[in-house]
Protein backbone atom coordinates (compact mmCIF):
# COMPACT_ATOMS: atom_id res chain seq x y z
CA MET A 1 148.12 68.39 145.02
CA ASP A 2 151.58 67.49 143.40
CA THR A 3 154.07 67.53 146.19
CA THR A 4 156.87 66.61 143.94
CA PRO A 5 160.20 69.15 144.97
CA SER A 6 161.40 70.98 142.35
CA PHE A 7 164.86 70.11 142.20
CA TRP A 8 166.09 73.38 141.17
CA GLY A 9 169.73 72.56 142.32
CA LEU A 10 169.94 69.54 139.65
CA LYS A 11 168.22 71.74 136.86
CA LEU A 12 170.86 74.50 137.37
CA MET A 13 173.71 72.08 137.55
CA ASN A 14 172.57 70.37 134.19
CA ALA A 15 172.16 74.04 132.86
CA PHE A 16 175.56 75.28 133.76
CA SER A 17 177.73 71.89 132.98
CA MET A 18 176.40 72.38 129.49
CA GLY A 19 176.88 75.98 129.40
CA MET A 20 180.65 75.11 129.54
CA ILE A 21 180.33 73.15 126.45
CA GLY A 22 178.50 75.98 124.70
CA SER A 23 181.48 78.49 125.87
CA ALA A 24 184.52 76.39 125.74
CA GLN A 25 184.21 73.24 123.55
CA VAL A 26 182.22 75.27 120.62
CA TYR A 27 184.38 78.47 120.70
CA LEU A 28 187.82 77.30 121.35
CA PRO A 29 188.56 76.22 117.81
CA ILE A 30 187.85 79.96 116.68
CA PHE A 31 190.22 81.46 119.19
CA ASN A 32 192.80 78.83 118.21
CA LYS A 33 192.24 79.65 114.53
CA LYS A 34 192.02 83.61 114.98
CA VAL A 35 194.60 84.10 118.10
CA LEU A 36 197.02 81.21 117.56
CA ASP A 37 197.15 80.87 114.10
CA LEU A 38 197.15 77.09 114.12
CA SER A 39 196.20 74.94 111.11
CA THR A 40 193.20 73.13 110.70
CA ASP A 41 194.66 69.53 111.20
CA ARG A 42 196.33 70.76 114.34
CA ILE A 43 193.04 72.14 115.46
CA GLY A 44 191.41 68.90 114.47
CA PHE A 45 194.14 66.92 116.66
CA ILE A 46 193.39 68.93 119.80
CA GLN A 47 189.57 68.65 119.35
CA SER A 48 190.13 64.80 119.51
CA ILE A 49 191.93 64.74 122.78
CA THR A 50 188.58 65.18 124.71
CA PRO A 51 186.93 62.04 123.37
CA PHE A 52 189.78 59.74 123.51
CA MET A 53 190.86 60.71 126.75
CA SER A 54 187.45 60.44 128.37
CA CYS A 55 187.74 56.70 127.62
CA LEU A 56 190.27 56.94 130.22
CA ALA A 57 188.63 59.59 132.76
CA PHE A 58 185.15 58.39 132.62
CA PRO A 59 185.52 55.00 134.37
CA PHE A 60 188.52 56.19 136.66
CA TRP A 61 186.46 59.13 138.18
CA THR A 62 183.33 57.04 138.27
CA ALA A 63 185.07 54.08 139.97
CA ILE A 64 186.51 56.53 142.57
CA VAL A 65 182.94 58.25 143.20
CA ASP A 66 181.40 54.80 143.40
CA LYS A 67 184.17 53.65 146.12
CA THR A 68 184.14 57.13 148.02
CA GLN A 69 180.38 58.28 147.63
CA LYS A 70 181.99 61.58 147.65
CA HIS A 71 180.07 63.13 144.68
CA LYS A 72 180.34 66.73 145.76
CA VAL A 73 184.03 66.70 146.55
CA VAL A 74 185.28 64.94 143.42
CA GLY A 75 182.80 67.13 141.12
CA MET A 76 183.75 70.56 142.57
CA THR A 77 187.50 69.75 142.66
CA ASN A 78 187.60 68.50 139.13
CA MET A 79 185.62 71.47 137.86
CA THR A 80 188.13 73.86 139.77
CA VAL A 81 190.92 72.07 138.06
CA ALA A 82 189.37 72.08 134.66
CA LEU A 83 188.66 76.00 135.02
CA VAL A 84 192.53 76.80 135.94
CA THR A 85 193.75 74.53 132.58
CA VAL A 86 191.43 76.12 130.24
CA LEU A 87 192.26 79.72 131.58
CA CYS A 88 195.91 78.85 130.80
CA VAL A 89 195.15 78.75 127.31
CA THR A 90 195.11 82.62 127.28
CA LEU A 91 198.60 82.66 128.15
CA VAL A 92 199.85 80.82 125.21
CA PRO A 93 200.13 83.77 122.83
CA SER A 94 202.61 85.54 125.21
CA LEU A 95 204.76 82.47 125.68
CA THR A 96 205.44 81.28 121.96
CA ASP A 97 205.09 82.05 118.42
CA ASP A 98 205.59 78.66 117.34
CA GLN A 99 202.93 76.64 116.24
CA THR A 100 204.13 73.38 117.30
CA VAL A 101 204.69 74.53 120.84
CA ALA A 102 201.62 76.43 120.82
CA THR A 103 199.93 73.07 119.88
CA VAL A 104 201.63 71.21 122.61
CA LEU A 105 200.81 73.98 125.31
CA VAL A 106 196.97 74.30 124.21
CA SER A 107 196.71 70.33 123.89
CA LEU A 108 198.13 70.15 127.52
CA CYS A 109 195.67 72.75 128.64
CA ASP A 110 192.82 70.69 126.90
CA PHE A 111 193.78 67.27 128.64
CA GLY A 112 193.24 69.21 132.07
CA PHE A 113 189.95 69.61 130.95
CA ALA A 114 189.19 66.29 129.26
CA PHE A 115 190.66 64.39 132.22
CA PHE A 116 189.19 66.60 135.12
CA GLY A 117 186.06 68.55 133.71
CA TYR A 118 184.58 66.67 130.83
CA PRO A 119 184.01 63.64 133.08
CA ILE A 120 181.81 65.68 135.41
CA ILE A 121 179.91 67.39 132.36
CA ALA A 122 178.96 64.10 130.48
CA THR A 123 178.57 61.45 133.06
CA MET A 124 179.03 62.62 136.98
CA VAL A 125 175.75 65.35 136.45
CA ASP A 126 173.54 62.25 135.20
CA SER A 127 174.77 60.11 137.95
CA ILE A 128 174.11 62.74 140.64
CA THR A 129 170.56 63.28 139.16
CA LEU A 130 169.84 59.61 139.27
CA ARG A 131 171.13 59.28 142.71
CA VAL A 132 169.04 62.01 144.01
CA LEU A 133 165.77 61.17 142.28
CA GLY A 134 165.95 57.60 143.37
CA ASP A 135 162.70 55.61 142.93
CA ARG A 136 161.53 58.37 140.83
CA LYS A 137 164.31 59.02 138.17
CA GLU A 138 162.78 57.32 135.41
CA GLN A 139 159.65 59.73 135.85
CA LEU A 140 161.76 63.12 136.75
CA TYR A 141 165.05 62.58 135.16
CA GLY A 142 164.02 64.21 131.71
CA ARG A 143 162.60 67.35 133.52
CA GLN A 144 166.16 68.00 135.05
CA LYS A 145 168.17 67.13 131.60
CA ALA A 146 165.78 69.48 129.94
CA PHE A 147 167.52 72.44 131.29
CA GLY A 148 170.96 71.25 129.77
CA PRO A 149 170.08 72.19 126.02
CA LEU A 150 168.75 75.35 127.72
CA GLY A 151 172.20 76.15 129.08
CA PHE A 152 173.99 74.99 126.02
CA GLY A 153 171.85 77.33 123.93
CA GLY A 154 172.01 80.12 126.22
CA SER A 155 175.80 79.85 126.47
CA VAL A 156 176.39 79.80 122.59
CA PHE A 157 174.12 82.64 122.42
CA LEU A 158 175.97 84.49 125.16
CA THR A 159 179.32 83.86 124.33
CA GLY A 160 179.02 85.05 120.63
CA LEU A 161 177.57 88.25 121.97
CA VAL A 162 180.93 88.77 124.30
CA MET A 163 183.10 87.73 121.71
CA ASP A 164 181.61 89.94 119.19
CA ARG A 165 181.89 92.97 121.61
CA PHE A 166 185.16 92.12 123.25
CA GLY A 167 187.06 89.92 121.32
CA PRO A 168 187.98 86.30 121.28
CA TYR A 169 189.40 86.32 124.85
CA ALA A 170 186.04 87.12 126.01
CA LEU A 171 184.91 83.22 125.87
CA PHE A 172 187.21 82.78 128.63
CA GLY A 173 184.94 84.94 130.94
CA SER A 174 181.92 83.50 129.73
CA TYR A 175 183.32 79.74 130.70
CA ALA A 176 184.39 80.85 133.87
CA PHE A 177 180.91 82.23 134.92
CA PHE A 178 179.22 79.03 134.04
CA VAL A 179 181.87 76.83 135.99
CA ILE A 180 181.65 79.42 138.97
CA SER A 181 177.95 79.08 138.82
CA PHE A 182 178.16 75.43 138.69
CA LEU A 183 180.20 75.50 141.72
CA ILE A 184 177.88 77.44 143.87
CA THR A 185 175.18 75.55 142.97
CA ALA A 186 176.82 72.29 143.45
CA PHE A 187 177.98 73.48 146.98
CA PHE A 188 174.36 74.31 147.80
CA THR A 189 172.63 71.31 146.52
CA SER A 190 172.38 67.88 148.38
CA PHE A 191 173.45 65.29 146.50
CA GLU A 192 171.84 62.43 148.93
CA PRO A 193 169.01 60.41 147.63
CA TYR A 194 165.47 61.97 148.29
CA ALA A 195 163.23 60.27 150.80
CA TRP A 196 160.22 59.49 148.88
CA HIS A 197 157.19 58.64 150.93
CA ASP A 198 155.33 55.84 149.58
CA ASP A 199 152.16 57.99 148.47
CA GLU A 200 154.64 60.18 146.27
CA VAL A 201 156.29 57.06 144.50
CA ASP A 202 154.50 56.32 141.09
CA HIS A 203 154.54 52.80 141.00
CA SER A 204 152.42 52.48 137.46
CA HIS A 205 154.10 51.54 134.58
CA SER A 206 152.93 51.32 131.08
CA SER A 207 152.68 48.03 129.35
CA ARG A 208 154.61 49.67 126.58
CA SER A 209 157.63 50.36 129.07
CA SER A 210 158.45 46.35 129.38
CA SER A 211 161.96 46.93 128.26
CA PHE A 212 163.05 48.72 131.26
CA ASP A 213 160.83 46.73 133.62
CA GLY A 214 162.44 43.38 132.17
CA THR A 215 165.74 45.25 132.47
CA VAL A 216 165.01 45.89 136.05
CA ALA A 217 163.77 42.38 136.96
CA HIS A 218 166.76 40.98 135.91
CA THR A 219 169.20 43.39 137.56
CA ASP A 220 167.29 42.25 141.00
CA SER A 221 167.85 39.03 140.01
CA LEU A 222 171.73 39.47 139.72
CA ARG A 223 171.96 41.24 142.88
CA SER A 224 171.56 38.28 145.21
CA ASP A 225 174.68 36.66 143.14
CA LEU A 226 176.55 40.10 143.56
CA ASP A 227 175.97 39.88 147.30
CA LYS A 228 177.75 36.96 147.58
CA GLU A 229 180.81 38.09 145.70
CA GLU A 230 183.74 38.84 148.27
CA LYS A 231 185.67 40.72 145.58
CA PRO A 232 184.63 44.32 144.78
CA PRO A 233 182.61 44.75 141.57
CA THR A 234 184.65 45.74 138.45
CA ILE A 235 183.94 46.80 134.94
CA SER A 236 184.43 43.26 133.87
CA ASP A 237 181.50 42.56 136.09
CA LEU A 238 179.21 45.17 134.69
CA LEU A 239 179.91 44.13 131.21
CA VAL A 240 178.75 40.45 131.73
CA CYS A 241 175.59 41.83 133.13
CA GLU A 242 172.46 40.72 131.11
CA GLY A 243 172.11 42.74 127.99
CA ALA A 244 175.23 44.88 128.89
CA ALA A 245 177.33 43.75 125.78
CA ARG A 246 174.47 44.64 123.24
CA PHE A 247 173.50 47.75 124.73
CA PHE A 248 177.15 49.13 125.11
CA THR A 249 177.99 48.09 121.61
CA VAL A 250 174.43 49.98 120.31
CA MET A 251 175.66 53.18 122.48
CA THR A 252 179.21 53.27 120.95
CA LEU A 253 177.82 52.93 117.19
CA LEU A 254 175.47 55.52 117.99
CA GLY A 255 178.21 57.87 119.29
CA VAL A 256 180.13 57.49 116.22
CA CYS A 257 177.13 58.91 114.01
CA MET A 258 176.20 61.73 116.48
CA SER A 259 179.85 62.70 116.41
CA VAL A 260 179.81 63.12 112.62
CA PHE A 261 176.41 65.13 112.82
CA PHE A 262 177.99 67.41 115.55
CA ALA A 263 181.76 67.91 113.83
CA PHE A 264 180.61 68.37 110.36
CA LEU A 265 177.18 69.21 109.99
CA THR A 266 177.82 73.19 110.07
CA LEU A 267 180.79 72.63 107.74
CA PHE A 268 178.66 70.73 105.33
CA ILE A 269 176.01 73.03 104.99
CA GLY A 270 178.37 76.15 104.70
CA THR A 271 180.58 74.77 102.05
CA ASP A 272 178.71 71.95 100.19
CA LEU A 273 175.34 73.47 100.29
CA HIS A 274 176.33 77.17 100.06
CA GLY A 275 174.24 78.01 103.36
CA SER A 276 174.87 81.65 104.79
CA PRO A 277 175.92 82.24 107.91
CA ALA A 278 172.96 83.48 109.23
CA LEU A 279 171.12 80.37 108.08
CA LEU A 280 173.82 78.20 109.88
CA GLY A 281 173.22 80.37 113.19
CA LEU A 282 169.58 78.63 113.32
CA LEU A 283 171.38 75.16 113.80
CA GLY A 284 171.72 75.88 117.71
CA PRO A 285 168.25 77.03 118.54
CA LEU A 286 166.42 74.76 116.14
CA GLY A 287 167.96 71.59 117.65
CA SER A 288 167.71 72.76 121.23
CA SER A 289 164.10 74.07 121.10
CA VAL A 290 162.85 70.49 120.65
CA GLU A 291 165.64 68.97 122.65
CA ILE A 292 164.01 70.96 125.47
CA VAL A 293 160.69 69.57 124.89
CA CYS A 294 161.43 66.07 124.60
CA PHE A 295 163.59 66.28 127.90
CA PHE A 296 161.04 67.84 129.69
CA PHE A 297 158.54 65.10 128.72
CA THR A 298 160.75 62.12 129.12
CA LYS A 299 158.39 60.72 131.69
CA GLU A 300 155.81 60.58 129.56
CA ILE A 301 157.69 59.46 126.63
CA PHE A 302 159.41 56.73 128.42
CA GLY A 303 155.90 55.47 129.79
CA TRP A 304 154.22 55.52 126.39
CA LEU A 305 157.35 53.59 124.16
CA GLY A 306 159.98 52.14 126.61
CA ALA A 307 163.61 52.66 126.30
CA ASP A 308 164.14 50.31 123.56
CA ARG A 309 161.47 51.82 121.35
CA MET A 310 162.94 55.34 122.15
CA LEU A 311 166.33 54.36 121.03
CA LEU A 312 164.77 52.69 117.99
CA ILE A 313 163.03 56.05 116.76
CA GLY A 314 166.16 58.21 117.61
CA GLN A 315 168.13 55.70 115.08
CA ALA A 316 165.15 56.34 112.58
CA ILE A 317 165.52 59.90 112.84
CA SER A 318 169.26 59.99 112.48
CA ALA A 319 169.02 57.61 109.39
CA TYR A 320 166.36 60.02 108.19
CA ARG A 321 168.79 62.85 108.35
CA CYS A 322 171.42 61.14 106.28
CA VAL A 323 169.21 60.46 103.38
CA VAL A 324 168.17 63.99 103.30
CA TYR A 325 171.85 65.19 103.30
CA ILE A 326 172.86 62.91 100.62
CA ILE A 327 169.86 63.83 98.37
CA SER A 328 170.60 67.47 99.07
CA VAL A 329 173.99 67.25 98.17
CA THR A 330 173.44 64.77 95.31
CA TRP A 331 170.81 66.55 93.45
CA PHE A 332 170.08 69.71 94.85
CA PRO A 333 173.47 71.21 96.03
CA ASP A 334 172.57 75.04 95.15
CA SER A 335 168.86 74.95 96.56
CA SER A 336 168.79 72.66 99.60
CA ALA A 337 170.34 74.49 102.26
CA VAL A 338 167.45 75.69 103.76
CA PHE A 339 165.84 72.49 104.01
CA ALA A 340 168.92 70.60 105.07
CA THR A 341 169.02 73.09 108.13
CA LEU A 342 165.36 72.85 108.91
CA THR A 343 166.41 69.23 109.09
CA GLN A 344 168.08 70.00 112.17
CA ILE A 345 164.79 70.52 114.24
CA VAL A 346 164.64 66.43 114.46
CA HIS A 347 167.76 66.32 115.88
CA GLY A 348 166.70 67.63 119.48
CA ALA A 349 164.17 64.60 119.56
CA SER A 350 166.90 62.08 118.22
CA PHE A 351 169.72 62.97 120.93
CA SER A 352 167.13 63.36 123.69
CA LEU A 353 165.60 59.95 122.99
CA ILE A 354 168.73 58.38 122.67
CA TRP A 355 170.62 59.66 125.16
CA SER A 356 167.57 59.58 128.03
CA ALA A 357 167.06 56.09 127.20
CA GLY A 358 170.66 55.22 127.19
CA VAL A 359 171.03 56.59 130.88
CA ILE A 360 167.86 55.00 132.06
CA LYS A 361 168.90 51.66 130.62
CA ALA A 362 172.58 51.86 131.94
CA ASP A 363 171.44 52.48 135.33
CA ALA A 364 169.12 49.63 135.22
CA ILE A 365 171.58 47.06 134.06
CA ALA A 366 174.00 48.16 136.62
CA PRO A 367 174.27 45.97 139.80
CA PRO A 368 174.44 47.81 143.17
CA GLY A 369 177.77 49.76 143.96
CA MET A 370 178.09 50.28 139.85
CA LYS A 371 175.46 52.75 139.38
CA SER A 372 178.33 55.70 138.63
CA ARG A 373 180.37 53.40 136.85
CA ALA A 374 177.57 52.44 134.27
CA GLN A 375 177.23 55.91 133.84
CA GLY A 376 181.04 56.56 133.21
CA LEU A 377 181.12 53.41 130.79
CA LEU A 378 178.17 55.09 129.23
CA GLY A 379 180.08 58.31 128.80
CA MET A 380 182.80 56.66 127.60
CA VAL A 381 181.47 54.40 124.45
CA TYR A 382 179.26 57.39 123.61
CA PHE A 383 180.95 60.66 123.94
CA GLY A 384 184.43 58.74 124.10
CA LEU A 385 185.29 55.78 122.11
CA GLY A 386 182.42 56.82 119.38
CA SER A 387 182.95 60.17 119.31
CA GLY A 388 186.52 60.23 118.84
CA VAL A 389 186.46 57.43 116.03
CA GLY A 390 183.36 59.33 114.62
CA ALA A 391 185.42 62.68 114.31
CA LEU A 392 188.68 60.82 112.80
CA LEU A 393 186.65 58.50 110.45
CA GLY A 394 184.29 61.27 109.35
CA GLY A 395 187.05 63.78 108.75
CA VAL A 396 189.07 61.13 106.56
CA VAL A 397 186.23 60.04 104.19
CA TYR A 398 185.00 63.82 103.97
CA GLU A 399 188.41 65.00 102.93
CA HIS A 400 189.18 62.09 100.58
CA TYR A 401 185.73 61.07 99.40
CA GLY A 402 183.14 63.65 99.89
CA SER A 403 180.56 64.40 101.92
CA ALA A 404 177.75 62.13 100.31
CA LEU A 405 179.84 59.10 101.11
CA MET A 406 180.43 60.43 104.58
CA TRP A 407 176.65 60.64 105.30
CA GLY A 408 176.36 57.05 103.61
CA MET A 409 178.89 55.72 106.25
CA VAL A 410 176.77 57.18 108.92
CA LEU A 411 173.78 55.91 107.65
CA VAL A 412 175.44 52.25 107.40
CA VAL A 413 176.34 52.58 111.06
CA VAL A 414 172.81 53.70 112.25
CA CYS A 415 171.66 50.99 110.50
CA LEU A 416 174.20 48.43 112.17
CA SER A 417 173.15 49.79 115.73
CA ALA A 418 169.65 49.07 114.95
CA PHE A 419 170.44 45.51 113.97
CA VAL A 420 172.66 45.00 117.15
CA GLN A 421 169.86 46.34 119.28
CA THR A 422 167.36 44.04 117.73
CA SER A 423 169.47 41.23 117.44
CA SER A 424 170.30 38.52 120.39
CA PHE A 425 173.40 37.52 118.95
CA LEU A 426 175.54 39.44 121.84
CA ASP A 427 173.06 38.01 124.30
CA ARG A 428 173.80 34.63 123.08
CA LEU A 429 177.71 35.05 124.34
CA ALA A 430 176.75 36.43 127.53
CA PRO A 431 175.47 33.20 129.46
CA THR A 432 179.03 31.87 128.98
CA ALA A 433 180.72 34.96 130.36
CA ARG A 434 178.50 35.13 133.07
CA ILE A 435 179.41 31.56 134.08
CA ARG A 436 183.09 32.26 134.01
CA ALA A 437 182.29 35.29 136.16
CA GLY A 438 180.53 33.42 138.75
CA TYR A 439 177.13 34.55 137.78
CA THR A 440 173.78 32.68 137.32
CA ALA A 441 173.38 32.18 133.46
CA VAL A 442 169.81 33.17 132.78
CA ALA A 443 167.84 33.46 129.13
CA PRO A 444 168.70 36.62 127.51
CA PHE A 445 166.40 39.34 127.48
CA VAL A 446 165.04 40.50 124.20
CA GLY A 447 163.56 44.09 124.43
């Protein structure tokens, strides 16, 4: 009989946190355009604040959590501040009619969400989930994370309905609902590691999960070195861990790719391929449905493939999407909108594989006392640096050179990420860095 707890608190936190993204981040550009009448370039600038600000916010807040271990206090306080700052956007139309002043005010509000709220959504919920699951995180993480796309899809649908019924201001009510639901759930959920009994812990691993096992084994070998250090661990200590440079470089490149997909796919299908609004509405459920399934079965997928192969498959799917979009816009621009839209089905698989593998590998690489900072650094390079660069670079290429070249650029970056992952070049640089940092140099791990 399966005695595994349901962990409904973790599931609901994942759902409500992604619900905030589906309500605020997806629909705020529409509010800025229709209510504030901001130009597209100003809206683009506002949207770039969150990924770039997260480069500072992720390591800042995760370092505080690692030091204080006050996950609940930090998380609930930050989300309360984020709620207030986003609601302040509703005051802007009554304060000014000037576009420049409105842009500044909305940017300040978005800064509050980016610095206080987004780190909780993007990384700290994952860190809390891993902390609670403890020894069974690789088996049970995906089942908690599967509720993320469920919350995202539900919030997009719900917010669209209320905006259609009550107008653009209704998005703030939807956002407040998800934030308050998150706060209530967090208040009643224990963030302490679950005390697994020996007979509850699944110690079996497939031979195909050698990537994770090898990384964990090496992490254990580093712990004795870290215990000898008198100074508190820093981000630089994390970066000289075995395989860290290669891994975080790969995730940065993949962040660039996923950002272009997220920012420009709807515009591409609607404008370049002449897709109808009804067709564009299918992008959300098509991706989320597969994403839910893949996250739910992360345990089985991880045991079958291992983290490195999960990343490679996610990269292959991303490359396939780029090829489809290039062919569609180059040779069949008037008849390929449906096929390009249906390709969104595989997006759910690629994102869930890449993110699940990334979270598990980051946790395995991190020394004791730096688990939250490892998740913060992962979020910083993927959702922050990579996402910001991808949005800006993709927009410039799209505007001046066309969508085909933009997708070609993404294809090159995907291939580069796969090359970095399978190459040991960065690992060969790591022993020298570890020696300087006081670590014992060991042979580089090749997954």
